[in-house]
Amino acid sequence: MVTKATLKAVDGVSFDLARGEVLGLVGESGCGKSTTARLTLGQLPPSAGEVIFEGKTVPSSRTQQWRNLRRHMQMIYQDPLGALDRRLPIIEQIAEPYTIHGIGGSRAERREKAQALMLQVGLRPDQASSYPHELSGGQRQRVVIARALALEPRLLVCDEPVSALDVSIQAQVLNLLDDLRRKTGFSALFISHDLKVVRQMADRVAVMYLGRIVEEGPPEDVFHAPLHPYTQALVSAAPSIHGNRGRNRIVLSGDPPNPVNVPGGCPFHPRCPVAVVRCRTDVPSLSREGDRAVSCHLAGSAGGGGFSPAPHPKSKALEAV
């Protein structure tokens, strides 16, 4: 008899998001970030647990209750050209949410609202009749942002919103998002593999590995004093204008494990440079201390009750795996 393998793209993930707050979610490709985004919006049904939005469980997708809720929960996708309809002028696409939800009265009124949004995100009035292929990558992403903000959402999920853009355009789009957040007060789940971008945008950051959150805290704390060995490796690999001066690059061995066959104990232990015997058998819980959280046996309580960073890879492990 062949036993079916079960893929848990996201396992035991739990977080909250306050009004006006931005939570950054970082991790390697395939760690479950985009699945978390789709679960948050109700596009995927959770196999266990539930997603709560403003005190109510997010209903099943494609139901009328879900459609009504999606007015308050919008998404900015990674590929703006793929997110837009190449056959429609951008003014029609920005106005489309008003049509779907019956907002704005006449077609002329909806177009007027869409034109105001274009100005708000830095698009020119003469570009209203342009098609997506006639715009630059940064301009297309501004169209996507305008369409996402049309219904004044209270939650915005940004899935790698600037990764396909040039660095100078990235800065423009990030500044635009930050300005709009301050004006409208939306909350955001900001997903990115770029630590510098997350540090600029997020109020809190969560680090994900193989479908689990392994560390969480304020960006300055997480990136300056990472507690989990995986976070330490991520931070050490981030490019810097100062090069490698004053820091040790941590190179992880091997590839992430197959998510269908997750190793026992801590999922990170096969690649961890400081793993001990316990890491191979016991799954660490996400322990919280103040505004920091970490899932690591070696980042335990230190003297005064706070977390202590995991040993540097050059330190001698307590036990050999």
Protein backbone atom coordinates (compact mmCIF):
# COMPACT_ATOMS: atom_id res chain seq x y z
CA MET A 1 0.00 0.00 0.00
CA VAL A 2 1.35 3.43 -1.00
CA THR A 3 0.98 6.11 1.68
CA LYS A 4 0.13 9.55 0.40
CA ALA A 5 2.59 12.21 1.37
CA THR A 6 1.19 15.44 2.80
CA LEU A 7 2.66 18.80 1.86
CA LYS A 8 2.32 21.44 4.58
CA ALA A 9 3.24 24.66 2.82
CA VAL A 10 2.43 26.57 6.02
CA ASP A 11 2.50 24.89 9.43
CA GLY A 12 1.50 26.48 12.73
CA VAL A 13 1.87 30.06 11.52
CA SER A 14 0.20 32.61 13.78
CA PHE A 15 0.51 36.39 13.83
CA ASP A 16 -1.57 39.48 14.47
CA LEU A 17 -1.62 42.83 12.73
CA ALA A 18 -2.71 46.09 14.31
CA ARG A 19 -4.48 48.91 12.50
CA GLY A 20 -1.93 50.89 10.47
CA GLU A 21 0.88 48.42 11.17
CA VAL A 22 3.16 46.82 8.57
CA LEU A 23 4.39 43.28 9.20
CA GLY A 24 7.30 42.21 7.01
CA LEU A 25 7.56 38.53 6.09
CA VAL A 26 10.94 37.31 4.84
CA GLY A 27 12.49 33.97 3.93
CA GLU A 28 13.86 31.88 1.09
CA SER A 29 11.87 31.11 -2.05
CA GLY A 30 9.46 28.26 -1.38
CA CYS A 31 9.26 28.81 2.38
CA GLY A 32 5.51 29.55 2.32
CA LYS A 33 5.34 33.36 2.11
CA SER A 34 2.95 33.54 -0.86
CA THR A 35 0.80 30.74 0.56
CA THR A 36 0.52 32.78 3.77
CA ALA A 37 -0.61 35.76 1.68
CA ARG A 38 -3.32 33.75 -0.07
CA LEU A 39 -4.49 32.25 3.23
CA THR A 40 -4.70 35.74 4.74
CA LEU A 41 -7.00 36.89 1.94
CA GLY A 42 -9.13 33.76 2.02
CA GLN A 43 -8.03 32.68 -1.47
CA LEU A 44 -6.95 29.35 0.04
CA PRO A 45 -8.94 27.54 2.74
CA PRO A 46 -6.81 26.59 5.77
CA SER A 47 -6.73 22.84 6.46
CA ALA A 48 -6.60 23.68 10.17
CA GLY A 49 -7.05 26.83 12.22
CA GLU A 50 -8.71 29.99 10.95
CA VAL A 51 -8.02 33.49 9.70
CA ILE A 52 -9.67 36.27 11.73
CA PHE A 53 -10.24 39.70 10.21
CA GLU A 54 -11.63 42.40 12.49
CA GLY A 55 -13.03 39.82 14.89
CA LYS A 56 -14.72 37.61 12.29
CA THR A 57 -13.56 34.43 10.56
CA VAL A 58 -12.68 34.97 6.90
CA PRO A 59 -15.35 33.01 4.95
CA SER A 60 -14.78 30.53 2.16
CA SER A 61 -13.69 32.02 -1.14
CA ARG A 62 -16.13 32.57 -3.99
CA THR A 63 -19.03 33.12 -1.58
CA GLN A 64 -20.94 36.40 -1.42
CA GLN A 65 -19.67 36.99 2.14
CA TRP A 66 -16.09 36.57 0.90
CA ARG A 67 -16.65 38.98 -2.00
CA ASN A 68 -18.05 41.58 0.38
CA LEU A 69 -15.05 41.14 2.68
CA ARG A 70 -12.53 41.42 -0.18
CA ARG A 71 -13.58 45.03 -0.56
CA HIS A 72 -11.60 45.66 2.64
CA MET A 73 -8.69 43.28 1.82
CA GLN A 74 -6.67 43.89 -1.32
CA MET A 75 -3.43 42.56 -2.82
CA ILE A 76 -0.49 43.99 -4.75
CA TYR A 77 1.13 41.27 -6.86
CA GLN A 78 4.77 40.81 -7.79
CA ASP A 79 4.28 40.98 -11.58
CA PRO A 80 2.24 44.09 -12.50
CA LEU A 81 1.97 43.12 -16.17
CA GLY A 82 0.57 39.73 -15.23
CA ALA A 83 -1.88 41.35 -12.81
CA LEU A 84 -3.32 43.70 -15.42
CA ASP A 85 -5.56 43.04 -18.43
CA ARG A 86 -3.53 43.92 -21.52
CA ARG A 87 -6.71 44.53 -23.53
CA LEU A 88 -8.09 47.36 -21.37
CA PRO A 89 -6.89 50.96 -20.89
CA ILE A 90 -5.58 51.57 -17.40
CA ILE A 91 -8.38 54.02 -16.52
CA GLU A 92 -10.90 51.21 -17.04
CA GLN A 93 -8.88 48.84 -14.87
CA ILE A 94 -8.54 51.33 -12.01
CA ALA A 95 -12.29 52.01 -12.16
CA GLU A 96 -13.20 48.31 -12.34
CA PRO A 97 -13.41 47.76 -8.51
CA TYR A 98 -16.07 50.49 -8.36
CA THR A 99 -18.09 48.67 -11.02
CA ILE A 100 -17.76 45.28 -9.33
CA HIS A 101 -18.89 46.60 -5.95
CA GLY A 102 -21.48 49.04 -7.28
CA ILE A 103 -19.72 52.18 -6.09
CA GLY A 104 -19.68 55.59 -7.73
CA GLY A 105 -22.98 55.77 -9.56
CA SER A 106 -22.51 56.45 -13.27
CA ARG A 107 -19.59 55.43 -15.47
CA ALA A 108 -18.46 59.05 -15.63
CA GLU A 109 -18.36 59.28 -11.84
CA ARG A 110 -16.33 56.09 -11.59
CA ARG A 111 -13.85 57.38 -14.16
CA GLU A 112 -13.55 60.62 -12.21
CA LYS A 113 -12.68 58.66 -9.06
CA ALA A 114 -10.16 56.60 -11.04
CA GLN A 115 -8.52 59.76 -12.43
CA ALA A 116 -8.13 61.12 -8.90
CA LEU A 117 -6.42 57.85 -7.90
CA MET A 118 -4.07 58.14 -10.88
CA LEU A 119 -2.93 61.55 -9.66
CA GLN A 120 -2.57 60.21 -6.13
CA VAL A 121 -0.12 57.49 -7.21
CA GLY A 122 1.85 59.76 -9.55
CA LEU A 123 0.38 58.91 -12.96
CA ARG A 124 -0.36 61.63 -15.51
CA PRO A 125 -3.92 62.32 -16.76
CA ASP A 126 -2.82 61.78 -20.37
CA GLN A 127 -1.88 58.18 -19.51
CA ALA A 128 -5.51 57.26 -18.76
CA SER A 129 -6.06 55.78 -22.22
CA SER A 130 -2.72 53.90 -22.24
CA TYR A 131 -2.57 50.12 -22.25
CA PRO A 132 -0.31 48.23 -19.80
CA HIS A 133 2.31 47.39 -22.45
CA GLU A 134 2.72 51.10 -23.19
CA LEU A 135 3.86 51.86 -19.63
CA SER A 136 7.12 51.25 -17.81
CA GLY A 137 7.37 48.66 -15.03
CA GLY A 138 7.16 51.32 -12.33
CA GLN A 139 4.13 52.94 -13.96
CA ARG A 140 2.37 49.58 -14.23
CA GLN A 141 2.98 48.93 -10.55
CA ARG A 142 1.46 52.33 -9.77
CA VAL A 143 -1.64 51.26 -11.70
CA VAL A 144 -1.82 48.08 -9.60
CA ILE A 145 -1.46 50.12 -6.40
CA ALA A 146 -4.17 52.56 -7.52
CA ARG A 147 -6.55 49.69 -8.28
CA ALA A 148 -5.79 48.05 -4.91
CA LEU A 149 -6.49 51.33 -3.06
CA ALA A 150 -9.66 52.19 -5.00
CA LEU A 151 -11.94 50.64 -2.37
CA GLU A 152 -10.00 52.12 0.55
CA PRO A 153 -9.01 48.72 1.99
CA ARG A 154 -8.12 48.28 5.64
CA LEU A 155 -5.64 45.49 4.85
CA LEU A 156 -3.16 45.44 1.98
CA VAL A 157 -1.18 42.29 1.19
CA CYS A 158 1.97 43.11 -0.79
CA ASP A 159 3.61 40.03 -2.32
CA GLU A 160 7.09 41.05 -3.53
CA PRO A 161 5.67 44.34 -4.87
CA VAL A 162 9.01 45.83 -6.02
CA SER A 163 11.23 42.82 -6.76
CA ALA A 164 10.72 43.11 -10.53
CA LEU A 165 11.63 46.82 -10.62
CA ASP A 166 14.90 48.69 -11.02
CA VAL A 167 16.44 49.97 -7.78
CA SER A 168 15.59 53.63 -8.45
CA ILE A 169 11.98 52.73 -9.30
CA GLN A 170 11.81 50.50 -6.23
CA ALA A 171 12.57 53.51 -4.03
CA GLN A 172 9.83 55.56 -5.70
CA VAL A 173 7.21 52.82 -5.25
CA LEU A 174 8.22 52.15 -1.64
CA ASN A 175 8.03 55.86 -0.78
CA LEU A 176 4.63 56.00 -2.46
CA LEU A 177 3.33 53.05 -0.42
CA ASP A 178 4.67 54.56 2.80
CA ASP A 179 3.05 57.95 2.07
CA LEU A 180 -0.29 56.34 1.22
CA ARG A 181 -0.20 54.24 4.40
CA ARG A 182 0.33 57.33 6.51
CA LYS A 183 -2.55 59.12 4.76
CA THR A 184 -5.09 56.29 4.71
CA GLY A 185 -4.02 54.19 7.71
CA PHE A 186 -4.24 50.75 6.10
CA SER A 187 -2.44 47.76 7.62
CA ALA A 188 -0.11 45.72 5.44
CA LEU A 189 1.45 42.29 5.21
CA PHE A 190 4.63 43.07 3.27
CA ILE A 191 6.34 40.03 1.75
CA SER A 192 9.85 40.34 0.38
CA HIS A 193 13.18 38.53 0.17
CA ASP A 194 15.02 41.88 0.30
CA LEU A 195 15.94 42.63 3.92
CA LYS A 196 16.73 46.28 3.19
CA VAL A 197 13.26 46.82 1.76
CA VAL A 198 11.60 45.15 4.74
CA ARG A 199 13.70 47.17 7.16
CA GLN A 200 12.51 50.36 5.49
CA MET A 201 8.82 49.46 5.34
CA ALA A 202 7.99 47.22 8.32
CA ASP A 203 7.12 47.96 11.92
CA ARG A 204 7.68 44.27 12.75
CA VAL A 205 9.35 41.48 10.82
CA ALA A 206 8.73 37.73 10.86
CA VAL A 207 11.28 35.29 9.44
CA MET A 208 9.87 32.14 7.85
CA TYR A 209 11.64 28.84 7.18
CA LEU A 210 9.98 25.78 5.67
CA GLY A 211 6.46 26.93 6.44
CA ARG A 212 7.14 28.06 10.03
CA ILE A 213 7.91 31.40 11.62
CA VAL A 214 11.28 31.03 13.35
CA GLU A 215 11.83 34.60 14.55
CA GLU A 216 9.83 37.78 15.01
CA GLY A 217 10.52 41.26 16.31
CA PRO A 218 11.23 44.90 15.44
CA PRO A 219 13.35 45.18 12.26
CA GLU A 220 16.24 46.97 13.92
CA ASP A 221 16.49 44.28 16.61
CA VAL A 222 16.06 41.32 14.26
CA PHE A 223 18.61 42.56 11.73
CA HIS A 224 21.16 43.89 14.23
CA ALA A 225 20.94 41.08 16.80
CA PRO A 226 19.31 38.04 15.15
CA LEU A 227 18.52 35.22 17.58
CA HIS A 228 17.90 32.29 15.23
CA PRO A 229 20.82 30.75 13.26
CA TYR A 230 18.76 30.95 10.06
CA THR A 231 18.13 34.67 10.55
CA GLN A 232 21.83 35.14 11.26
CA ALA A 233 22.65 33.51 7.92
CA LEU A 234 20.08 35.68 6.08
CA VAL A 235 21.45 38.88 7.61
CA SER A 236 25.06 37.91 6.89
CA ALA A 237 24.19 37.32 3.21
CA ALA A 238 22.52 40.71 2.70
CA PRO A 239 24.64 42.98 0.46
CA SER A 240 26.12 46.08 2.06
CA ILE A 241 27.69 49.25 0.69
CA HIS A 242 30.57 48.55 3.11
CA GLY A 243 31.23 45.12 1.62
CA ASN A 244 32.07 42.35 4.08
CA ARG A 245 34.04 44.52 6.47
CA GLY A 246 33.32 43.78 10.11
CA ARG A 247 31.01 40.81 9.62
CA ASN A 248 31.32 37.09 9.06
CA ARG A 249 29.46 35.59 6.13
CA ILE A 250 27.54 32.46 7.18
CA VAL A 251 27.19 29.99 4.31
CA LEU A 252 24.56 27.33 4.92
CA SER A 253 25.27 23.83 3.66
CA GLY A 254 22.81 21.98 1.46
CA ASP A 255 19.38 22.99 0.22
CA PRO A 256 16.13 23.40 2.15
CA PRO A 257 14.57 19.99 2.87
CA ASN A 258 11.72 18.63 0.80
CA PRO A 259 8.54 20.14 2.35
CA VAL A 260 6.77 16.83 1.74
CA ASN A 261 9.34 15.08 3.92
CA VAL A 262 10.22 17.58 6.66
CA PRO A 263 12.98 16.26 8.96
CA GLY A 264 12.10 15.45 12.55
CA GLY A 265 12.86 17.86 15.34
CA CYS A 266 13.78 21.37 14.26
CA PRO A 267 13.25 21.62 10.46
CA PHE A 268 16.41 23.72 10.18
CA HIS A 269 18.75 21.29 11.97
CA PRO A 270 20.18 19.55 8.82
CA ARG A 271 21.60 22.92 7.70
CA CYS A 272 22.22 24.52 11.08
CA PRO A 273 25.94 25.07 11.90
CA VAL A 274 25.33 24.95 15.66
CA ALA A 275 22.70 22.17 15.94
CA VAL A 276 22.86 19.84 18.92
CA VAL A 277 21.33 16.41 19.53
CA ARG A 278 18.11 17.86 20.89
CA CYS A 279 17.54 19.76 17.64
CA ARG A 280 17.23 16.44 15.80
CA THR A 281 14.40 15.13 18.02
CA ASP A 282 12.46 18.03 19.58
CA VAL A 283 10.51 20.64 17.64
CA PRO A 284 11.23 24.06 19.24
CA SER A 285 8.24 26.23 20.07
CA LEU A 286 8.05 29.91 19.19
CA SER A 287 8.89 31.43 22.58
CA ARG A 288 8.12 35.08 23.24
CA GLU A 289 9.89 37.57 25.49
CA GLY A 290 8.62 41.13 25.21
CA ASP A 291 8.49 42.14 21.55
CA ARG A 292 10.87 39.36 20.44
CA ALA A 293 10.07 35.75 19.56
CA VAL A 294 12.32 32.90 18.45
CA SER A 295 11.97 29.19 17.74
CA CYS A 296 15.37 27.77 18.69
CA HIS A 297 16.61 25.49 21.50
CA LEU A 298 19.91 27.40 21.67
CA ALA A 299 18.36 30.86 21.96
CA GLY A 300 17.13 30.23 25.47
CA SER A 301 16.66 32.40 28.50
CA ALA A 302 19.78 34.29 29.51
CA GLY A 303 20.35 35.31 33.08
CA GLY A 304 18.03 38.29 33.33
CA GLY A 305 15.13 36.51 31.66
CA GLY A 306 15.64 37.77 28.11
CA PHE A 307 16.67 35.84 25.03
CA SER A 308 20.33 35.32 24.25
CA PRO A 309 21.52 35.06 20.66
CA ALA A 310 22.27 31.61 19.31
CA PRO A 311 26.01 30.75 19.36
CA HIS A 312 28.03 31.98 16.42
CA PRO A 313 28.82 29.17 13.94
CA LYS A 314 32.48 29.28 14.98
CA SER A 315 31.50 28.54 18.57
CA LYS A 316 31.85 24.98 19.80
CA ALA A 317 28.47 23.21 19.98
CA LEU A 318 27.48 21.68 23.29
CA GLU A 319 26.81 18.30 21.73
CA ALA A 320 27.66 16.82 18.37
CA VAL A 321 24.76 15.87 16.16
